[in-house]
PDB file of all heavy atoms in Angstrom:
ATOM      1  N   ARG A   1     115.630 110.336  96.646  1.00  0.00           N
ATOM      2  CA  ARG A   1     115.964 111.686  97.066  1.00  0.00           C
ATOM      3  C   ARG A   1     114.725 112.621  96.955  1.00  0.00           C
ATOM      4  O   ARG A   1     114.933 113.813  96.932  1.00  0.00           O
ATOM      5  CB  ARG A   1     117.152 112.275  96.291  1.00  0.00           C
ATOM      6  CG  ARG A   1     118.440 111.440  96.299  1.00  0.00           C
ATOM      7  CD  ARG A   1     119.077 111.285  97.637  1.00  0.00           C
ATOM      8  NE  ARG A   1     119.407 112.547  98.204  1.00  0.00           N
ATOM      9  CZ  ARG A   1     120.556 113.140  98.082  1.00  0.00           C
ATOM     10  NH1 ARG A   1     121.538 112.542  97.357  1.00  0.00           N
ATOM     11  NH2 ARG A   1     120.914 114.282  98.646  1.00  0.00           N
ATOM     12  N   GLY A   2     113.563 112.116  96.797  1.00  0.00           N
ATOM     13  CA  GLY A   2     112.292 112.881  96.636  1.00  0.00           C
ATOM     14  C   GLY A   2     111.955 113.651  97.909  1.00  0.00           C
ATOM     15  O   GLY A   2     112.023 112.979  99.007  1.00  0.00           O
ATOM     16  N   ASP A   3     111.435 114.794  97.839  1.00  0.00           N
ATOM     17  CA  ASP A   3     111.025 115.542  98.935  1.00  0.00           C
ATOM     18  C   ASP A   3     109.548 115.379  99.275  1.00  0.00           C
ATOM     19  O   ASP A   3     109.098 115.758 100.329  1.00  0.00           O
ATOM     20  CB  ASP A   3     111.320 117.044  98.783  1.00  0.00           C
ATOM     21  CG  ASP A   3     112.818 117.404  98.887  1.00  0.00           C
ATOM     22  OD1 ASP A   3     113.406 116.746  99.821  1.00  0.00           O
ATOM     23  OD2 ASP A   3     113.321 118.223  98.094  1.00  0.00           O
ATOM     24  N   PHE A   4     108.808 114.887  98.350  1.00  0.00           N
ATOM     25  CA  PHE A   4     107.361 114.668  98.567  1.00  0.00           C
ATOM     26  C   PHE A   4     107.171 113.531  99.542  1.00  0.00           C
ATOM     27  O   PHE A   4     107.674 112.483  99.384  1.00  0.00           O
ATOM     28  CB  PHE A   4     106.636 114.411  97.199  1.00  0.00           C
ATOM     29  CG  PHE A   4     105.177 114.312  97.278  1.00  0.00           C
ATOM     30  CD1 PHE A   4     104.397 115.417  97.374  1.00  0.00           C
ATOM     31  CD2 PHE A   4     104.515 113.022  97.395  1.00  0.00           C
ATOM     32  CE1 PHE A   4     102.960 115.313  97.486  1.00  0.00           C
ATOM     33  CE2 PHE A   4     103.200 112.945  97.467  1.00  0.00           C
ATOM     34  CZ  PHE A   4     102.410 114.084  97.508  1.00  0.00           C
ATOM     35  N   ILE A   5     106.285 113.842 100.582  1.00  0.00           N
ATOM     36  CA  ILE A   5     105.962 112.852 101.419  1.00  0.00           C
ATOM     37  C   ILE A   5     104.599 112.121 101.053  1.00  0.00           C
ATOM     38  O   ILE A   5     103.534 112.721 101.005  1.00  0.00           O
ATOM     39  CB  ILE A   5     105.702 113.507 102.919  1.00  0.00           C
ATOM     40  CG1 ILE A   5     106.940 114.285 103.313  1.00  0.00           C
ATOM     41  CG2 ILE A   5     105.349 112.345 103.957  1.00  0.00           C
ATOM     42  CD1 ILE A   5     108.228 113.384 103.385  1.00  0.00           C
ATOM     43  N   PHE A   6     104.790 110.850 100.697  1.00  0.00           N
ATOM     44  CA  PHE A   6     103.639 110.130 100.113  1.00  0.00           C
ATOM     45  C   PHE A   6     102.716 109.743 101.327  1.00  0.00           C
ATOM     46  O   PHE A   6     103.182 108.990 102.242  1.00  0.00           O
ATOM     47  CB  PHE A   6     104.058 108.881  99.408  1.00  0.00           C
ATOM     48  CG  PHE A   6     104.587 109.127  98.058  1.00  0.00           C
ATOM     49  CD1 PHE A   6     105.972 109.293  97.875  1.00  0.00           C
ATOM     50  CD2 PHE A   6     103.809 109.209  96.903  1.00  0.00           C
ATOM     51  CE1 PHE A   6     106.535 109.649  96.645  1.00  0.00           C
ATOM     52  CE2 PHE A   6     104.292 109.420  95.693  1.00  0.00           C
ATOM     53  CZ  PHE A   6     105.664 109.618  95.549  1.00  0.00           C
ATOM     54  N   PRO A   7     101.395 110.095 101.157  1.00  0.00           N
ATOM     55  CA  PRO A   7     100.454 109.574 102.146  1.00  0.00           C
ATOM     56  C   PRO A   7     100.128 108.076 101.862  1.00  0.00           C
ATOM     57  O   PRO A   7     100.365 107.560 100.783  1.00  0.00           O
ATOM     58  CB  PRO A   7      99.237 110.380 101.898  1.00  0.00           C
ATOM     59  CG  PRO A   7      99.313 110.906 100.543  1.00  0.00           C
ATOM     60  CD  PRO A   7     100.812 110.967 100.211  1.00  0.00           C
ATOM     61  N   GLN A   8      99.755 107.459 102.871  1.00  0.00           N
ATOM     62  CA  GLN A   8      99.399 105.973 102.720  1.00  0.00           C
ATOM     63  C   GLN A   8      98.382 105.747 101.679  1.00  0.00           C
ATOM     64  O   GLN A   8      98.394 104.691 100.989  1.00  0.00           O
ATOM     65  CB  GLN A   8      98.968 105.406 104.051  1.00  0.00           C
ATOM     66  CG  GLN A   8      98.847 103.860 104.144  1.00  0.00           C
ATOM     67  CD  GLN A   8      98.513 103.321 105.468  1.00  0.00           C
ATOM     68  OE1 GLN A   8      98.238 104.033 106.435  1.00  0.00           O
ATOM     69  NE2 GLN A   8      98.579 102.020 105.563  1.00  0.00           N
ATOM     70  N   SER A   9      97.414 106.693 101.510  1.00  0.00           N
ATOM     71  CA  SER A   9      96.398 106.457 100.545  1.00  0.00           C
ATOM     72  C   SER A   9      96.973 106.431  99.102  1.00  0.00           C
ATOM     73  O   SER A   9      96.324 105.837  98.155  1.00  0.00           O
ATOM     74  CB  SER A   9      95.411 107.667 100.586  1.00  0.00           C
ATOM     75  OG  SER A   9      96.094 108.945 100.286  1.00  0.00           O
ATOM     76  N   ILE A  10      98.174 106.909  98.887  1.00  0.00           N
ATOM     77  CA  ILE A  10      98.831 106.791  97.583  1.00  0.00           C
ATOM     78  C   ILE A  10      99.735 105.629  97.448  1.00  0.00           C
ATOM     79  O   ILE A  10      99.716 104.842  96.593  1.00  0.00           O
ATOM     80  CB  ILE A  10      99.557 108.105  97.259  1.00  0.00           C
ATOM     81  CG1 ILE A  10      98.550 109.321  97.062  1.00  0.00           C
ATOM     82  CG2 ILE A  10     100.398 107.979  95.946  1.00  0.00           C
ATOM     83  CD1 ILE A  10      99.254 110.612  96.728  1.00  0.00           C
ATOM     84  N   TYR A  11     100.688 105.577  98.506  1.00  0.00           N
ATOM     85  CA  TYR A  11     101.644 104.454  98.341  1.00  0.00           C
ATOM     86  C   TYR A  11     101.057 103.028  98.527  1.00  0.00           C
ATOM     87  O   TYR A  11     101.700 102.047  98.032  1.00  0.00           O
ATOM     88  CB  TYR A  11     102.863 104.669  99.247  1.00  0.00           C
ATOM     89  CG  TYR A  11     102.713 104.425 100.695  1.00  0.00           C
ATOM     90  CD1 TYR A  11     102.565 103.186 101.282  1.00  0.00           C
ATOM     91  CD2 TYR A  11     102.722 105.606 101.591  1.00  0.00           C
ATOM     92  CE1 TYR A  11     102.492 103.009 102.693  1.00  0.00           C
ATOM     93  CE2 TYR A  11     102.590 105.387 102.964  1.00  0.00           C
ATOM     94  CZ  TYR A  11     102.493 104.163 103.489  1.00  0.00           C
ATOM     95  OH  TYR A  11     102.379 103.933 104.865  1.00  0.00           O
ATOM     96  N   LYS A  12      99.896 102.941  99.082  1.00  0.00           N
ATOM     97  CA  LYS A  12      99.194 101.642  99.094  1.00  0.00           C
ATOM     98  C   LYS A  12      98.867 101.120  97.701  1.00  0.00           C
ATOM     99  O   LYS A  12      98.589  99.899  97.538  1.00  0.00           O
ATOM    100  CB  LYS A  12      98.036 101.641 100.043  1.00  0.00           C
ATOM    101  CG  LYS A  12      96.852 102.429  99.497  1.00  0.00           C
ATOM    102  CD  LYS A  12      95.617 102.325 100.435  1.00  0.00           C
ATOM    103  CE  LYS A  12      94.418 103.082  99.797  1.00  0.00           C
ATOM    104  NZ  LYS A  12      93.261 103.009 100.667  1.00  0.00           N
ATOM    105  N   ASN A  13      98.838 102.022  96.782  1.00  0.00           N
ATOM    106  CA  ASN A  13      98.489 101.685  95.294  1.00  0.00           C
ATOM    107  C   ASN A  13      99.676 101.167  94.533  1.00  0.00           C
ATOM    108  O   ASN A  13      99.493 100.847  93.390  1.00  0.00           O
ATOM    109  CB  ASN A  13      97.881 102.898  94.640  1.00  0.00           C
ATOM    110  CG  ASN A  13      96.526 103.333  95.235  1.00  0.00           C
ATOM    111  OD1 ASN A  13      95.768 102.504  95.687  1.00  0.00           O
ATOM    112  ND2 ASN A  13      96.240 104.621  95.223  1.00  0.00           N
ATOM    113  N   ALA A  14     100.877 101.088  95.204  1.00  0.00           N
ATOM    114  CA  ALA A  14     102.017 100.428  94.592  1.00  0.00           C
ATOM    115  C   ALA A  14     101.941  98.959  94.969  1.00  0.00           C
ATOM    116  O   ALA A  14     102.224  98.603  96.142  1.00  0.00           O
ATOM    117  CB  ALA A  14     103.247 101.110  95.083  1.00  0.00           C
ATOM    118  N   HIS A  15     101.547  98.116  94.124  1.00  0.00           N
ATOM    119  CA  HIS A  15     101.140  96.666  94.467  1.00  0.00           C
ATOM    120  C   HIS A  15     102.425  95.872  94.822  1.00  0.00           C
ATOM    121  O   HIS A  15     102.220  94.911  95.542  1.00  0.00           O
ATOM    122  CB  HIS A  15     100.412  96.018  93.314  1.00  0.00           C
ATOM    123  CG  HIS A  15      99.213  96.766  92.877  1.00  0.00           C
ATOM    124  ND1 HIS A  15      98.246  97.069  93.823  1.00  0.00           N
ATOM    125  CD2 HIS A  15      98.780  97.357  91.706  1.00  0.00           C
ATOM    126  CE1 HIS A  15      97.224  97.770  93.198  1.00  0.00           C
ATOM    127  NE2 HIS A  15      97.600  97.947  91.964  1.00  0.00           N
ATOM    128  N   LYS A  16     103.607  96.178  94.344  1.00  0.00           N
ATOM    129  CA  LYS A  16     104.795  95.377  94.703  1.00  0.00           C
ATOM    130  C   LYS A  16     105.610  96.081  95.768  1.00  0.00           C
ATOM    131  O   LYS A  16     106.436  95.330  96.349  1.00  0.00           O
ATOM    132  CB  LYS A  16     105.580  95.130  93.372  1.00  0.00           C
ATOM    133  CG  LYS A  16     104.894  94.163  92.366  1.00  0.00           C
ATOM    134  CD  LYS A  16     105.731  93.696  91.288  1.00  0.00           C
ATOM    135  CE  LYS A  16     105.158  92.750  90.402  1.00  0.00           C
ATOM    136  NZ  LYS A  16     106.009  92.236  89.285  1.00  0.00           N
ATOM    137  N   GLY A  17     105.529  97.358  95.874  1.00  0.00           N
ATOM    138  CA  GLY A  17     106.360  97.975  96.927  1.00  0.00           C
ATOM    139  C   GLY A  17     106.455  99.507  96.746  1.00  0.00           C
ATOM    140  O   GLY A  17     106.320  99.944  95.586  1.00  0.00           O
ATOM    141  N   ALA A  18     106.684 100.163  97.832  1.00  0.00           N
ATOM    142  CA  ALA A  18     106.951 101.579  97.873  1.00  0.00           C
ATOM    143  C   ALA A  18     108.121 101.838  98.775  1.00  0.00           C
ATOM    144  O   ALA A  18     108.073 101.589  99.971  1.00  0.00           O
ATOM    145  CB  ALA A  18     105.713 102.335  98.359  1.00  0.00           C
ATOM    146  N   ILE A  19     109.214 102.327  98.223  1.00  0.00           N
ATOM    147  CA  ILE A  19     110.435 102.500  98.960  1.00  0.00           C
ATOM    148  C   ILE A  19     111.037 103.895  98.915  1.00  0.00           C
ATOM    149  O   ILE A  19     110.654 104.593  97.927  1.00  0.00           O
ATOM    150  CB  ILE A  19     111.488 101.451  98.490  1.00  0.00           C
ATOM    151  CG1 ILE A  19     111.967 101.757  97.083  1.00  0.00           C
ATOM    152  CG2 ILE A  19     110.950 100.022  98.698  1.00  0.00           C
ATOM    153  CD1 ILE A  19     113.092 100.807  96.607  1.00  0.00           C
ATOM    154  N   ASN A  20     111.851 104.282  99.864  1.00  0.00           N
ATOM    155  CA  ASN A  20     112.543 105.554  99.858  1.00  0.00           C
ATOM    156  C   ASN A  20     113.972 105.375 100.081  1.00  0.00           C
ATOM    157  O   ASN A  20     114.355 104.578 100.877  1.00  0.00           O
ATOM    158  CB  ASN A  20     111.869 106.404 100.977  1.00  0.00           C
ATOM    159  CG  ASN A  20     112.531 107.719 101.120  1.00  0.00           C
ATOM    160  OD1 ASN A  20     112.630 108.478 100.112  1.00  0.00           O
ATOM    161  ND2 ASN A  20     113.111 108.066 102.262  1.00  0.00           N
ATOM    162  N   LEU A  21     114.734 106.226  99.410  1.00  0.00           N
ATOM    163  CA  LEU A  21     116.190 106.326  99.663  1.00  0.00           C
ATOM    164  C   LEU A  21     116.514 107.578 100.369  1.00  0.00           C
ATOM    165  O   LEU A  21     116.343 108.657  99.850  1.00  0.00           O
ATOM    166  CB  LEU A  21     116.879 106.162  98.342  1.00  0.00           C
ATOM    167  CG  LEU A  21     116.921 104.694  97.752  1.00  0.00           C
ATOM    168  CD1 LEU A  21     115.966 104.700  96.552  1.00  0.00           C
ATOM    169  CD2 LEU A  21     118.317 104.281  97.377  1.00  0.00           C
ATOM    170  N   HIS A  22     116.926 107.381 101.623  1.00  0.00           N
ATOM    171  CA  HIS A  22     117.138 108.495 102.494  1.00  0.00           C
ATOM    172  C   HIS A  22     118.642 108.735 102.683  1.00  0.00           C
ATOM    173  O   HIS A  22     119.386 107.782 103.099  1.00  0.00           O
ATOM    174  CB  HIS A  22     116.516 108.103 103.909  1.00  0.00           C
ATOM    175  CG  HIS A  22     116.868 109.008 104.991  1.00  0.00           C
ATOM    176  ND1 HIS A  22     116.402 110.357 104.982  1.00  0.00           N
ATOM    177  CD2 HIS A  22     117.448 108.781 106.212  1.00  0.00           C
ATOM    178  CE1 HIS A  22     116.776 110.929 106.144  1.00  0.00           C
ATOM    179  NE2 HIS A  22     117.446 109.960 106.922  1.00  0.00           N
ATOM    180  N   PRO A  23     119.189 109.882 102.305  1.00  0.00           N
ATOM    181  CA  PRO A  23     120.611 110.125 102.274  1.00  0.00           C
ATOM    182  C   PRO A  23     121.252 110.368 103.664  1.00  0.00           C
ATOM    183  O   PRO A  23     121.850 111.382 103.843  1.00  0.00           O
ATOM    184  CB  PRO A  23     120.779 111.314 101.349  1.00  0.00           C
ATOM    185  CG  PRO A  23     119.529 112.126 101.567  1.00  0.00           C
ATOM    186  CD  PRO A  23     118.413 111.024 101.812  1.00  0.00           C
ATOM    187  N   ALA A  24     121.000 109.452 104.560  1.00  0.00           N
ATOM    188  CA  ALA A  24     121.548 109.552 105.909  1.00  0.00           C
ATOM    189  C   ALA A  24     121.385 108.220 106.561  1.00  0.00           C
ATOM    190  O   ALA A  24     120.581 107.378 106.158  1.00  0.00           O
ATOM    191  CB  ALA A  24     120.742 110.570 106.731  1.00  0.00           C
ATOM    192  N   PRO A  25     122.209 107.944 107.599  1.00  0.00           N
ATOM    193  CA  PRO A  25     122.047 106.614 108.403  1.00  0.00           C
ATOM    194  C   PRO A  25     120.814 106.625 109.153  1.00  0.00           C
ATOM    195  O   PRO A  25     120.191 107.694 109.424  1.00  0.00           O
ATOM    196  CB  PRO A  25     123.296 106.615 109.199  1.00  0.00           C
ATOM    197  CG  PRO A  25     123.682 108.055 109.393  1.00  0.00           C
ATOM    198  CD  PRO A  25     123.270 108.749 108.149  1.00  0.00           C
ATOM    199  N   PRO A  26     120.352 105.450 109.648  1.00  0.00           N
ATOM    200  CA  PRO A  26     119.113 105.413 110.373  1.00  0.00           C
ATOM    201  C   PRO A  26     119.004 106.242 111.661  1.00  0.00           C
ATOM    202  O   PRO A  26     117.899 106.546 112.072  1.00  0.00           O
ATOM    203  CB  PRO A  26     119.023 103.925 110.757  1.00  0.00           C
ATOM    204  CG  PRO A  26     119.828 103.241 109.692  1.00  0.00           C
ATOM    205  CD  PRO A  26     120.897 104.132 109.393  1.00  0.00           C
ATOM    206  N   LYS A  27     120.171 106.574 112.282  1.00  0.00           N
ATOM    207  CA  LYS A  27     120.127 107.335 113.470  1.00  0.00           C
ATOM    208  C   LYS A  27     119.635 108.787 113.240  1.00  0.00           C
ATOM    209  O   LYS A  27     119.157 109.460 114.167  1.00  0.00           O
ATOM    210  CB  LYS A  27     121.579 107.418 114.088  1.00  0.00           C
ATOM    211  CG  LYS A  27     122.588 108.189 113.310  1.00  0.00           C
ATOM    212  CD  LYS A  27     123.949 108.118 113.899  1.00  0.00           C
ATOM    213  CE  LYS A  27     124.088 108.967 115.189  1.00  0.00           C
ATOM    214  NZ  LYS A  27     125.429 109.017 115.677  1.00  0.00           N
ATOM    215  N   TYR A  28     119.688 109.217 111.996  1.00  0.00           N
ATOM    216  CA  TYR A  28     119.259 110.612 111.582  1.00  0.00           C
ATOM    217  C   TYR A  28     118.029 110.526 110.724  1.00  0.00           C
ATOM    218  O   TYR A  28     118.133 110.394 109.480  1.00  0.00           O
ATOM    219  CB  TYR A  28     120.313 111.324 110.915  1.00  0.00           C
ATOM    220  CG  TYR A  28     121.505 111.685 111.762  1.00  0.00           C
ATOM    221  CD1 TYR A  28     122.742 111.104 111.431  1.00  0.00           C
ATOM    222  CD2 TYR A  28     121.442 112.458 112.909  1.00  0.00           C
ATOM    223  CE1 TYR A  28     123.929 111.445 112.199  1.00  0.00           C
ATOM    224  CE2 TYR A  28     122.537 112.744 113.719  1.00  0.00           C
ATOM    225  CZ  TYR A  28     123.762 112.246 113.276  1.00  0.00           C
ATOM    226  OH  TYR A  28     124.922 112.491 114.155  1.00  0.00           O
ATOM    227  N   ARG A  29     116.858 110.483 111.319  1.00  0.00           N
ATOM    228  CA  ARG A  29     115.561 110.562 110.568  1.00  0.00           C
ATOM    229  C   ARG A  29     115.411 112.078 110.215  1.00  0.00           C
ATOM    230  O   ARG A  29     115.742 112.917 110.940  1.00  0.00           O
ATOM    231  CB  ARG A  29     114.419 110.069 111.353  1.00  0.00           C
ATOM    232  CG  ARG A  29     114.516 108.644 111.790  1.00  0.00           C
ATOM    233  CD  ARG A  29     113.485 108.313 112.837  1.00  0.00           C
ATOM    234  NE  ARG A  29     112.104 108.597 112.308  1.00  0.00           N
ATOM    235  CZ  ARG A  29     111.133 109.047 113.116  1.00  0.00           C
ATOM    236  NH1 ARG A  29     111.275 109.206 114.330  1.00  0.00           N
ATOM    237  NH2 ARG A  29     109.910 109.240 112.504  1.00  0.00           N
ATOM    238  N   GLY A  30     114.769 112.390 109.057  1.00  0.00           N
ATOM    239  CA  GLY A  30     114.460 113.736 108.657  1.00  0.00           C
ATOM    240  C   GLY A  30     115.518 114.407 107.871  1.00  0.00           C
ATOM    241  O   GLY A  30     116.214 113.822 107.173  1.00  0.00           O
ATOM    242  N   LEU A  31     115.621 115.723 108.156  1.00  0.00           N
ATOM    243  CA  LEU A  31     116.523 116.591 107.275  1.00  0.00           C
ATOM    244  C   LEU A  31     117.663 117.196 108.100  1.00  0.00           C
ATOM    245  O   LEU A  31     117.628 117.277 109.312  1.00  0.00           O
ATOM    246  CB  LEU A  31     115.637 117.758 106.771  1.00  0.00           C
ATOM    247  CG  LEU A  31     114.392 117.292 105.890  1.00  0.00           C
ATOM    248  CD1 LEU A  31     113.560 118.540 105.560  1.00  0.00           C
ATOM    249  CD2 LEU A  31     114.906 116.634 104.623  1.00  0.00           C
ATOM    250  N   GLY A  32     118.675 117.589 107.289  1.00  0.00           N
ATOM    251  CA  GLY A  32     119.813 118.326 107.825  1.00  0.00           C
ATOM    252  C   GLY A  32     120.871 117.486 108.570  1.00  0.00           C
ATOM    253  O   GLY A  32     121.682 118.001 109.319  1.00  0.00           O
ATOM    254  N   SER A  33     120.779 116.168 108.345  1.00  0.00           N
ATOM    255  CA  SER A  33     121.567 115.219 109.221  1.00  0.00           C
ATOM    256  C   SER A  33     123.074 115.349 108.974  1.00  0.00           C
ATOM    257  O   SER A  33     123.919 115.127 109.889  1.00  0.00           O
ATOM    258  CB  SER A  33     121.225 113.819 108.894  1.00  0.00           C
ATOM    259  OG  SER A  33     121.342 113.494 107.550  1.00  0.00           O
ATOM    260  N   GLN A  34     123.536 115.869 107.786  1.00  0.00           N
ATOM    261  CA  GLN A  34     124.953 116.036 107.595  1.00  0.00           C
ATOM    262  C   GLN A  34     125.539 117.088 108.542  1.00  0.00           C
ATOM    263  O   GLN A  34     126.719 116.956 108.933  1.00  0.00           O
ATOM    264  CB  GLN A  34     125.255 116.417 106.133  1.00  0.00           C
ATOM    265  CG  GLN A  34     124.741 117.773 105.673  1.00  0.00           C
ATOM    266  CD  GLN A  34     123.338 117.827 105.174  1.00  0.00           C
ATOM    267  OE1 GLN A  34     122.606 116.877 105.462  1.00  0.00           O
ATOM    268  NE2 GLN A  34     122.993 118.811 104.399  1.00  0.00           N
ATOM    269  N   HIS A  35     124.770 118.067 108.942  1.00  0.00           N
ATOM    270  CA  HIS A  35     125.235 119.106 109.834  1.00  0.00           C
ATOM    271  C   HIS A  35     125.481 118.492 111.270  1.00  0.00           C
ATOM    272  O   HIS A  35     126.408 118.796 111.895  1.00  0.00           O
ATOM    273  CB  HIS A  35     124.227 120.311 109.929  1.00  0.00           C
ATOM    274  CG  HIS A  35     124.040 120.970 108.614  1.00  0.00           C
ATOM    275  ND1 HIS A  35     124.894 121.869 108.079  1.00  0.00           N
ATOM    276  CD2 HIS A  35     123.035 120.786 107.672  1.00  0.00           C
ATOM    277  CE1 HIS A  35     124.498 122.261 106.882  1.00  0.00           C
ATOM    278  NE2 HIS A  35     123.350 121.606 106.573  1.00  0.00           N
ATOM    279  N   TYR A  36     124.555 117.696 111.657  1.00  0.00           N
ATOM    280  CA  TYR A  36     124.584 117.049 113.004  1.00  0.00           C
ATOM    281  C   TYR A  36     125.738 116.054 113.008  1.00  0.00           C
ATOM    282  O   TYR A  36     126.390 115.942 114.072  1.00  0.00           O
ATOM    283  CB  TYR A  36     123.293 116.483 113.338  1.00  0.00           C
ATOM    284  CG  TYR A  36     122.095 117.353 113.383  1.00  0.00           C
ATOM    285  CD1 TYR A  36     121.117 117.395 112.361  1.00  0.00           C
ATOM    286  CD2 TYR A  36     121.935 118.303 114.398  1.00  0.00           C
ATOM    287  CE1 TYR A  36     120.109 118.305 112.386  1.00  0.00           C
ATOM    288  CE2 TYR A  36     120.906 119.203 114.400  1.00  0.00           C
ATOM    289  CZ  TYR A  36     119.971 119.170 113.414  1.00  0.00           C
ATOM    290  OH  TYR A  36     118.921 120.073 113.500  1.00  0.00           O
ATOM    291  N   ALA A  37     125.867 115.317 111.937  1.00  0.00           N
ATOM    292  CA  ALA A  37     127.007 114.322 111.939  1.00  0.00           C
ATOM    293  C   ALA A  37     128.354 114.959 112.074  1.00  0.00           C
ATOM    294  O   ALA A  37     129.215 114.509 112.720  1.00  0.00           O
ATOM    295  CB  ALA A  37     126.962 113.588 110.537  1.00  0.00           C
TER     296      ALA A  37
END
């Protein structure tokens, strides 16, 4: 649920993986998706 957008220069330093949990289905990228749903 983090709002910080990690640049590749940072997340590439995670040797096993860098993942994000996005509180919306894939059809809604970005923000405010509950309103559109």
